[in-house]
Amino acid sequence: DNALKYFQHTLRFKPDSTATWNRQGKVMYTQGRHTEAIESFRQAIRYNPDSVDANIGIAASLMALSKHEEASECCRTALRMQPDNTEASALAAQIAVRKGDVEEAYNLLHPLLEQDTLSDNVIMSFANVSKDVGRTHEAIQLLEQVLEQNSKRPPETLVNLHFCLGKLYDSEKTYDRAFHHYQQGNNLKPVIFSPDQHMMEMESFIAQHSWQFMTSLPRASIRS
């Protein structure tokens, strides 16, 4: 919230700052304000039609809104401007996965996997499509290697890597390894429990699911 205040203050003095519009959009995206993020990224494009970051930002926000076709088009625009942009390719692959086109996703990721340095987006995207393209063992090997390097990745990323490995091992029926990585992922997650917050949640559930609400819900008309 504080970052947004400063971005908005900056834009009052320099409304044509593409970098500020992009950074504001990224903060809004992080907050889950995807529609507002898209508008901010579009303002960036208004002042700089060649902004690759803005097109990638719009694509990510559209994907979060399940507008996959529009998101794919924004990725294609970004890649036309900068064909070697790893983030745009990785995002395009993630969108392809959401659309159910795993072959397209793998074709986008395959060239990136041969690079010396892999971004987290490329790694996770490949892991997500590996089973459907018969590359589960390669994905397991890659993720194990990434975790062995003990790189300075944020805890949230490490949690995702462990959970992803757990899922891959589970699909291979290697349950001991799956359990190990699920456990590692859970150990990295902060354990926070607030009795007051819990009571508020329960009270909101009770208030929402009143007799009137339950009786007003649609009912299936086919009983067979």
C-alpha atoms as a PDB file:
ATOM      1  CA  ASP A   1       0.000   0.000   0.000  1.00  0.00           C
ATOM      2  CA  ASN A   2       2.817   2.404   0.836  1.00  0.00           C
ATOM      3  CA  ALA A   3       4.569   1.609  -2.441  1.00  0.00           C
ATOM      4  CA  LEU A   4       1.398   2.464  -4.357  1.00  0.00           C
ATOM      5  CA  LYS A   5       1.172   5.834  -2.623  1.00  0.00           C
ATOM      6  CA  TYR A   6       4.667   6.716  -3.791  1.00  0.00           C
ATOM      7  CA  PHE A   7       4.015   5.494  -7.327  1.00  0.00           C
ATOM      8  CA  GLN A   8       0.831   7.570  -7.530  1.00  0.00           C
ATOM      9  CA  HIS A   9       2.687  10.582  -6.134  1.00  0.00           C
ATOM     10  CA  THR A  10       5.403  10.106  -8.774  1.00  0.00           C
ATOM     11  CA  LEU A  11       2.853   9.848 -11.588  1.00  0.00           C
ATOM     12  CA  ARG A  12       1.301  13.172 -10.612  1.00  0.00           C
ATOM     13  CA  PHE A  13       4.667  14.810 -11.356  1.00  0.00           C
ATOM     14  CA  LYS A  14       5.687  12.566 -14.251  1.00  0.00           C
ATOM     15  CA  PRO A  15       2.605  10.945 -15.811  1.00  0.00           C
ATOM     16  CA  ASP A  16       4.577   9.656 -18.807  1.00  0.00           C
ATOM     17  CA  SER A  17       6.893   7.467 -16.712  1.00  0.00           C
ATOM     18  CA  THR A  18       6.541   4.001 -18.253  1.00  0.00           C
ATOM     19  CA  ALA A  19       8.682   2.423 -15.520  1.00  0.00           C
ATOM     20  CA  THR A  20       6.412   3.792 -12.772  1.00  0.00           C
ATOM     21  CA  TRP A  21       3.224   2.580 -14.484  1.00  0.00           C
ATOM     22  CA  ASN A  22       4.820  -0.872 -14.833  1.00  0.00           C
ATOM     23  CA  ARG A  23       5.939  -1.024 -11.216  1.00  0.00           C
ATOM     24  CA  GLN A  24       2.554   0.153 -10.008  1.00  0.00           C
ATOM     25  CA  GLY A  25       0.945  -2.584 -12.117  1.00  0.00           C
ATOM     26  CA  LYS A  26       3.207  -5.221 -10.564  1.00  0.00           C
ATOM     27  CA  VAL A  27       2.238  -4.140  -7.052  1.00  0.00           C
ATOM     28  CA  MET A  28      -1.455  -4.240  -7.955  1.00  0.00           C
ATOM     29  CA  TYR A  29      -0.961  -7.698  -9.467  1.00  0.00           C
ATOM     30  CA  THR A  30       0.675  -8.864  -6.233  1.00  0.00           C
ATOM     31  CA  GLN A  31      -2.327  -7.543  -4.317  1.00  0.00           C
ATOM     32  CA  GLY A  32      -4.719  -9.470  -6.558  1.00  0.00           C
ATOM     33  CA  ARG A  33      -6.108  -6.268  -8.096  1.00  0.00           C
ATOM     34  CA  HIS A  34      -5.760  -7.655 -11.599  1.00  0.00           C
ATOM     35  CA  THR A  35      -8.177  -5.380 -13.453  1.00  0.00           C
ATOM     36  CA  GLU A  36      -6.489  -2.281 -12.023  1.00  0.00           C
ATOM     37  CA  ALA A  37      -3.084  -3.787 -12.805  1.00  0.00           C
ATOM     38  CA  ILE A  38      -4.078  -4.211 -16.452  1.00  0.00           C
ATOM     39  CA  GLU A  39      -5.100  -0.553 -16.650  1.00  0.00           C
ATOM     40  CA  SER A  40      -1.753   0.511 -15.169  1.00  0.00           C
ATOM     41  CA  PHE A  41       0.181  -1.644 -17.647  1.00  0.00           C
ATOM     42  CA  ARG A  42      -1.895  -0.215 -20.512  1.00  0.00           C
ATOM     43  CA  GLN A  43      -0.949   3.275 -19.418  1.00  0.00           C
ATOM     44  CA  ALA A  44       2.693   2.185 -19.661  1.00  0.00           C
ATOM     45  CA  ILE A  45       2.078   1.032 -23.241  1.00  0.00           C
ATOM     46  CA  ARG A  46       0.327   4.304 -24.008  1.00  0.00           C
ATOM     47  CA  TYR A  47       3.578   6.152 -23.285  1.00  0.00           C
ATOM     48  CA  ASN A  48       5.849   3.424 -24.640  1.00  0.00           C
ATOM     49  CA  PRO A  49       4.210   1.078 -27.187  1.00  0.00           C
ATOM     50  CA  ASP A  50       7.371  -1.069 -27.210  1.00  0.00           C
ATOM     51  CA  SER A  51       7.238  -1.913 -23.487  1.00  0.00           C
ATOM     52  CA  VAL A  52       7.814  -5.664 -23.214  1.00  0.00           C
ATOM     53  CA  ASP A  53       7.351  -5.601 -19.429  1.00  0.00           C
ATOM     54  CA  ALA A  54       3.911  -4.033 -19.785  1.00  0.00           C
ATOM     55  CA  ASN A  55       2.750  -6.715 -22.226  1.00  0.00           C
ATOM     56  CA  ILE A  56       4.045  -9.447 -19.919  1.00  0.00           C
ATOM     57  CA  GLY A  57       2.272  -7.784 -16.989  1.00  0.00           C
ATOM     58  CA  ILE A  58      -1.019  -7.636 -18.870  1.00  0.00           C
ATOM     59  CA  ALA A  59      -0.644 -11.283 -19.894  1.00  0.00           C
ATOM     60  CA  ALA A  60      -0.061 -12.372 -16.274  1.00  0.00           C
ATOM     61  CA  SER A  61      -3.056 -10.375 -15.068  1.00  0.00           C
ATOM     62  CA  LEU A  62      -5.295 -11.727 -17.823  1.00  0.00           C
ATOM     63  CA  MET A  63      -4.204 -15.268 -16.981  1.00  0.00           C
ATOM     64  CA  ALA A  64      -5.200 -14.649 -13.360  1.00  0.00           C
ATOM     65  CA  LEU A  65      -8.632 -13.583 -14.669  1.00  0.00           C
ATOM     66  CA  SER A  66      -8.824 -16.803 -16.778  1.00  0.00           C
ATOM     67  CA  LYS A  67      -8.767 -14.795 -20.028  1.00  0.00           C
ATOM     68  CA  HIS A  68      -6.290 -17.173 -21.596  1.00  0.00           C
ATOM     69  CA  GLU A  69      -6.663 -16.293 -25.275  1.00  0.00           C
ATOM     70  CA  GLU A  70      -6.089 -12.591 -24.643  1.00  0.00           C
ATOM     71  CA  ALA A  71      -3.181 -13.444 -22.344  1.00  0.00           C
ATOM     72  CA  SER A  72      -1.596 -15.595 -25.077  1.00  0.00           C
ATOM     73  CA  GLU A  73      -1.854 -12.734 -27.569  1.00  0.00           C
ATOM     74  CA  CYS A  74      -0.055 -10.375 -25.166  1.00  0.00           C
ATOM     75  CA  CYS A  75       2.744 -12.930 -24.750  1.00  0.00           C
ATOM     76  CA  ARG A  76       3.045 -13.242 -28.523  1.00  0.00           C
ATOM     77  CA  THR A  77       3.292  -9.457 -28.770  1.00  0.00           C
ATOM     78  CA  ALA A  78       6.063  -9.411 -26.161  1.00  0.00           C
ATOM     79  CA  LEU A  79       7.941 -12.206 -27.958  1.00  0.00           C
ATOM     80  CA  ARG A  80       7.652 -10.450 -31.319  1.00  0.00           C
ATOM     81  CA  MET A  81       9.371  -7.453 -29.759  1.00  0.00           C
ATOM     82  CA  GLN A  82      11.903  -9.521 -27.808  1.00  0.00           C
ATOM     83  CA  PRO A  83      12.076 -13.151 -29.039  1.00  0.00           C
ATOM     84  CA  ASP A  84      14.670 -14.186 -26.433  1.00  0.00           C
ATOM     85  CA  ASN A  85      12.673 -12.952 -23.427  1.00  0.00           C
ATOM     86  CA  THR A  86      12.670 -15.896 -21.024  1.00  0.00           C
ATOM     87  CA  GLU A  87       9.886 -14.596 -18.792  1.00  0.00           C
ATOM     88  CA  ALA A  88       7.540 -14.087 -21.743  1.00  0.00           C
ATOM     89  CA  SER A  89       8.199 -17.630 -23.000  1.00  0.00           C
ATOM     90  CA  ALA A  90       7.742 -19.148 -19.546  1.00  0.00           C
ATOM     91  CA  LEU A  91       4.498 -17.234 -19.041  1.00  0.00           C
ATOM     92  CA  ALA A  92       3.256 -18.290 -22.488  1.00  0.00           C
ATOM     93  CA  ALA A  93       3.964 -21.899 -21.483  1.00  0.00           C
ATOM     94  CA  GLN A  94       1.994 -21.497 -18.248  1.00  0.00           C
ATOM     95  CA  ILE A  95      -0.938 -20.070 -20.187  1.00  0.00           C
ATOM     96  CA  ALA A  96      -0.745 -22.994 -22.627  1.00  0.00           C
ATOM     97  CA  VAL A  97      -0.946 -25.373 -19.645  1.00  0.00           C
ATOM     98  CA  ARG A  98      -4.058 -23.556 -18.411  1.00  0.00           C
ATOM     99  CA  LYS A  99      -5.554 -23.955 -21.895  1.00  0.00           C
ATOM    100  CA  GLY A 100      -4.757 -27.681 -21.823  1.00  0.00           C
ATOM    101  CA  ASP A 101      -2.192 -27.497 -24.644  1.00  0.00           C
ATOM    102  CA  VAL A 102       0.771 -29.228 -22.985  1.00  0.00           C
ATOM    103  CA  GLU A 103       2.561 -29.861 -26.290  1.00  0.00           C
ATOM    104  CA  GLU A 104       2.670 -26.150 -27.040  1.00  0.00           C
ATOM    105  CA  ALA A 105       3.872 -25.513 -23.501  1.00  0.00           C
ATOM    106  CA  TYR A 106       6.724 -28.002 -23.859  1.00  0.00           C
ATOM    107  CA  ASN A 107       7.725 -26.613 -27.259  1.00  0.00           C
ATOM    108  CA  LEU A 108       8.005 -23.167 -25.691  1.00  0.00           C
ATOM    109  CA  LEU A 109      10.006 -24.451 -22.716  1.00  0.00           C
ATOM    110  CA  HIS A 110      12.348 -26.871 -24.474  1.00  0.00           C
ATOM    111  CA  PRO A 111      14.769 -24.199 -25.819  1.00  0.00           C
ATOM    112  CA  LEU A 112      14.825 -22.500 -22.411  1.00  0.00           C
ATOM    113  CA  LEU A 113      15.774 -25.730 -20.625  1.00  0.00           C
ATOM    114  CA  GLU A 114      19.023 -25.853 -22.568  1.00  0.00           C
ATOM    115  CA  GLN A 115      20.221 -22.544 -21.163  1.00  0.00           C
ATOM    116  CA  ASP A 116      22.833 -22.411 -18.412  1.00  0.00           C
ATOM    117  CA  THR A 117      20.675 -20.343 -16.077  1.00  0.00           C
ATOM    118  CA  LEU A 118      17.015 -21.224 -15.594  1.00  0.00           C
ATOM    119  CA  SER A 119      14.446 -18.897 -14.066  1.00  0.00           C
ATOM    120  CA  ASP A 120      12.052 -20.201 -11.428  1.00  0.00           C
ATOM    121  CA  ASN A 121       9.142 -19.685 -13.843  1.00  0.00           C
ATOM    122  CA  VAL A 122      10.781 -21.959 -16.429  1.00  0.00           C
ATOM    123  CA  ILE A 123      11.515 -24.630 -13.819  1.00  0.00           C
ATOM    124  CA  MET A 124       7.984 -24.662 -12.408  1.00  0.00           C
ATOM    125  CA  SER A 125       6.368 -24.533 -15.845  1.00  0.00           C
ATOM    126  CA  PHE A 126       8.390 -27.529 -17.012  1.00  0.00           C
ATOM    127  CA  ALA A 127       7.520 -29.442 -13.852  1.00  0.00           C
ATOM    128  CA  ASN A 128       3.821 -28.779 -14.443  1.00  0.00           C
ATOM    129  CA  VAL A 129       3.831 -30.175 -17.995  1.00  0.00           C
ATOM    130  CA  SER A 130       6.427 -32.929 -17.536  1.00  0.00           C
ATOM    131  CA  LYS A 131       3.974 -35.721 -16.713  1.00  0.00           C
ATOM    132  CA  ASP A 132       1.775 -35.060 -19.750  1.00  0.00           C
ATOM    133  CA  VAL A 133       4.747 -35.046 -22.157  1.00  0.00           C
ATOM    134  CA  GLY A 134       6.483 -38.101 -20.644  1.00  0.00           C
ATOM    135  CA  ARG A 135       9.312 -36.121 -19.009  1.00  0.00           C
ATOM    136  CA  THR A 136       8.583 -36.746 -15.329  1.00  0.00           C
ATOM    137  CA  HIS A 137      12.008 -38.214 -14.557  1.00  0.00           C
ATOM    138  CA  GLU A 138      13.751 -35.244 -16.177  1.00  0.00           C
ATOM    139  CA  ALA A 139      11.639 -32.828 -14.133  1.00  0.00           C
ATOM    140  CA  ILE A 140      12.406 -34.697 -10.916  1.00  0.00           C
ATOM    141  CA  GLN A 141      16.126 -34.629 -11.688  1.00  0.00           C
ATOM    142  CA  LEU A 142      15.995 -30.888 -12.452  1.00  0.00           C
ATOM    143  CA  LEU A 143      14.092 -29.954  -9.290  1.00  0.00           C
ATOM    144  CA  GLU A 144      16.325 -32.129  -7.093  1.00  0.00           C
ATOM    145  CA  GLN A 145      19.363 -30.446  -8.624  1.00  0.00           C
ATOM    146  CA  VAL A 146      17.908 -26.972  -7.996  1.00  0.00           C
ATOM    147  CA  LEU A 147      17.229 -27.786  -4.341  1.00  0.00           C
ATOM    148  CA  GLU A 148      20.670 -29.359  -3.856  1.00  0.00           C
ATOM    149  CA  GLN A 149      22.294 -26.125  -4.994  1.00  0.00           C
ATOM    150  CA  ASN A 150      20.815 -24.477  -1.898  1.00  0.00           C
ATOM    151  CA  SER A 151      20.414 -21.268  -3.879  1.00  0.00           C
ATOM    152  CA  LYS A 152      19.209 -18.047  -2.302  1.00  0.00           C
ATOM    153  CA  ARG A 153      15.610 -18.462  -3.342  1.00  0.00           C
ATOM    154  CA  PRO A 154      12.800 -17.014  -1.215  1.00  0.00           C
ATOM    155  CA  PRO A 155      11.045 -19.460   1.165  1.00  0.00           C
ATOM    156  CA  GLU A 156       7.833 -19.325  -0.875  1.00  0.00           C
ATOM    157  CA  THR A 157       9.695 -20.541  -3.974  1.00  0.00           C
ATOM    158  CA  LEU A 158      11.363 -23.363  -2.028  1.00  0.00           C
ATOM    159  CA  VAL A 159       7.976 -24.422  -0.664  1.00  0.00           C
ATOM    160  CA  ASN A 160       6.581 -24.571  -4.216  1.00  0.00           C
ATOM    161  CA  LEU A 161       9.591 -26.586  -5.426  1.00  0.00           C
ATOM    162  CA  HIS A 162       9.214 -29.133  -2.622  1.00  0.00           C
ATOM    163  CA  PHE A 163       5.452 -29.468  -3.132  1.00  0.00           C
ATOM    164  CA  CYS A 164       5.954 -29.849  -6.881  1.00  0.00           C
ATOM    165  CA  LEU A 165       8.537 -32.590  -6.309  1.00  0.00           C
ATOM    166  CA  GLY A 166       6.172 -34.302  -3.915  1.00  0.00           C
ATOM    167  CA  LYS A 167       3.487 -34.324  -6.583  1.00  0.00           C
ATOM    168  CA  LEU A 168       5.890 -35.714  -9.209  1.00  0.00           C
ATOM    169  CA  TYR A 169       7.167 -38.473  -6.927  1.00  0.00           C
ATOM    170  CA  ASP A 170       3.591 -39.319  -5.968  1.00  0.00           C
ATOM    171  CA  SER A 171       2.673 -39.724  -9.651  1.00  0.00           C
ATOM    172  CA  GLU A 172       5.585 -42.173  -9.945  1.00  0.00           C
ATOM    173  CA  LYS A 173       4.350 -44.073  -6.868  1.00  0.00           C
ATOM    174  CA  THR A 174       7.583 -43.227  -5.044  1.00  0.00           C
ATOM    175  CA  TYR A 175       5.663 -42.410  -1.904  1.00  0.00           C
ATOM    176  CA  ASP A 176       8.538 -42.160   0.590  1.00  0.00           C
ATOM    177  CA  ARG A 177      10.243 -39.446  -1.487  1.00  0.00           C
ATOM    178  CA  ALA A 178       6.904 -37.730  -2.066  1.00  0.00           C
ATOM    179  CA  PHE A 179       6.207 -37.644   1.668  1.00  0.00           C
ATOM    180  CA  HIS A 180       9.723 -36.345   2.354  1.00  0.00           C
ATOM    181  CA  HIS A 181       9.279 -33.356   0.039  1.00  0.00           C
ATOM    182  CA  TYR A 182       5.761 -32.583   1.224  1.00  0.00           C
ATOM    183  CA  GLN A 183       7.137 -32.589   4.762  1.00  0.00           C
ATOM    184  CA  GLN A 184      10.054 -30.341   3.778  1.00  0.00           C
ATOM    185  CA  GLY A 185       7.664 -27.913   2.131  1.00  0.00           C
ATOM    186  CA  ASN A 186       5.419 -27.804   5.184  1.00  0.00           C
ATOM    187  CA  ASN A 187       8.411 -27.248   7.473  1.00  0.00           C
ATOM    188  CA  LEU A 188       9.332 -24.136   5.481  1.00  0.00           C
ATOM    189  CA  LYS A 189       5.853 -22.658   5.790  1.00  0.00           C
ATOM    190  CA  PRO A 190       5.324 -20.337   8.765  1.00  0.00           C
ATOM    191  CA  VAL A 191       2.947 -21.806  11.331  1.00  0.00           C
ATOM    192  CA  ILE A 192       0.570 -19.052  12.388  1.00  0.00           C
ATOM    193  CA  PHE A 193      -2.676 -19.651  14.263  1.00  0.00           C
ATOM    194  CA  SER A 194      -4.872 -16.931  15.719  1.00  0.00           C
ATOM    195  CA  PRO A 195      -7.816 -18.110  17.861  1.00  0.00           C
ATOM    196  CA  ASP A 196      -9.560 -14.760  17.315  1.00  0.00           C
ATOM    197  CA  GLN A 197      -9.135 -14.984  13.537  1.00  0.00           C
ATOM    198  CA  HIS A 198     -10.372 -18.590  13.606  1.00  0.00           C
ATOM    199  CA  MET A 199     -13.491 -17.585  15.559  1.00  0.00           C
ATOM    200  CA  MET A 200     -14.187 -14.753  13.115  1.00  0.00           C
ATOM    201  CA  GLU A 201     -13.977 -17.194  10.207  1.00  0.00           C
ATOM    202  CA  MET A 202     -16.320 -19.676  11.885  1.00  0.00           C
ATOM    203  CA  GLU A 203     -18.816 -16.939  12.758  1.00  0.00           C
ATOM    204  CA  SER A 204     -18.759 -15.668   9.166  1.00  0.00           C
ATOM    205  CA  PHE A 205     -19.434 -19.207   7.894  1.00  0.00           C
ATOM    206  CA  ILE A 206     -22.374 -19.555  10.270  1.00  0.00           C
ATOM    207  CA  ALA A 207     -23.738 -16.140   9.312  1.00  0.00           C
ATOM    208  CA  GLN A 208     -23.400 -16.871   5.599  1.00  0.00           C
ATOM    209  CA  HIS A 209     -24.972 -20.345   5.699  1.00  0.00           C
ATOM    210  CA  SER A 210     -28.234 -19.324   7.294  1.00  0.00           C
ATOM    211  CA  TRP A 211     -31.496 -21.232   6.801  1.00  0.00           C
ATOM    212  CA  GLN A 212     -32.658 -18.596   4.313  1.00  0.00           C
ATOM    213  CA  PHE A 213     -29.417 -18.860   2.331  1.00  0.00           C
ATOM    214  CA  MET A 214     -29.450 -22.649   2.210  1.00  0.00           C
ATOM    215  CA  THR A 215     -33.070 -22.827   1.069  1.00  0.00           C
ATOM    216  CA  SER A 216     -32.462 -20.212  -1.645  1.00  0.00           C
ATOM    217  CA  LEU A 217     -29.678 -22.193  -3.339  1.00  0.00           C
ATOM    218  CA  PRO A 218     -30.464 -23.787  -6.731  1.00  0.00           C
ATOM    219  CA  ARG A 219     -31.397 -27.444  -6.666  1.00  0.00           C
ATOM    220  CA  ALA A 220     -30.770 -30.136  -9.254  1.00  0.00           C
ATOM    221  CA  SER A 221     -33.947 -31.001 -11.128  1.00  0.00           C
ATOM    222  CA  ILE A 222     -32.766 -34.441 -12.294  1.00  0.00           C
ATOM    223  CA  ARG A 223     -33.140 -37.048  -9.535  1.00  0.00           C
ATOM    224  CA  SER A 224     -32.131 -40.226 -11.396  1.00  0.00           C
END
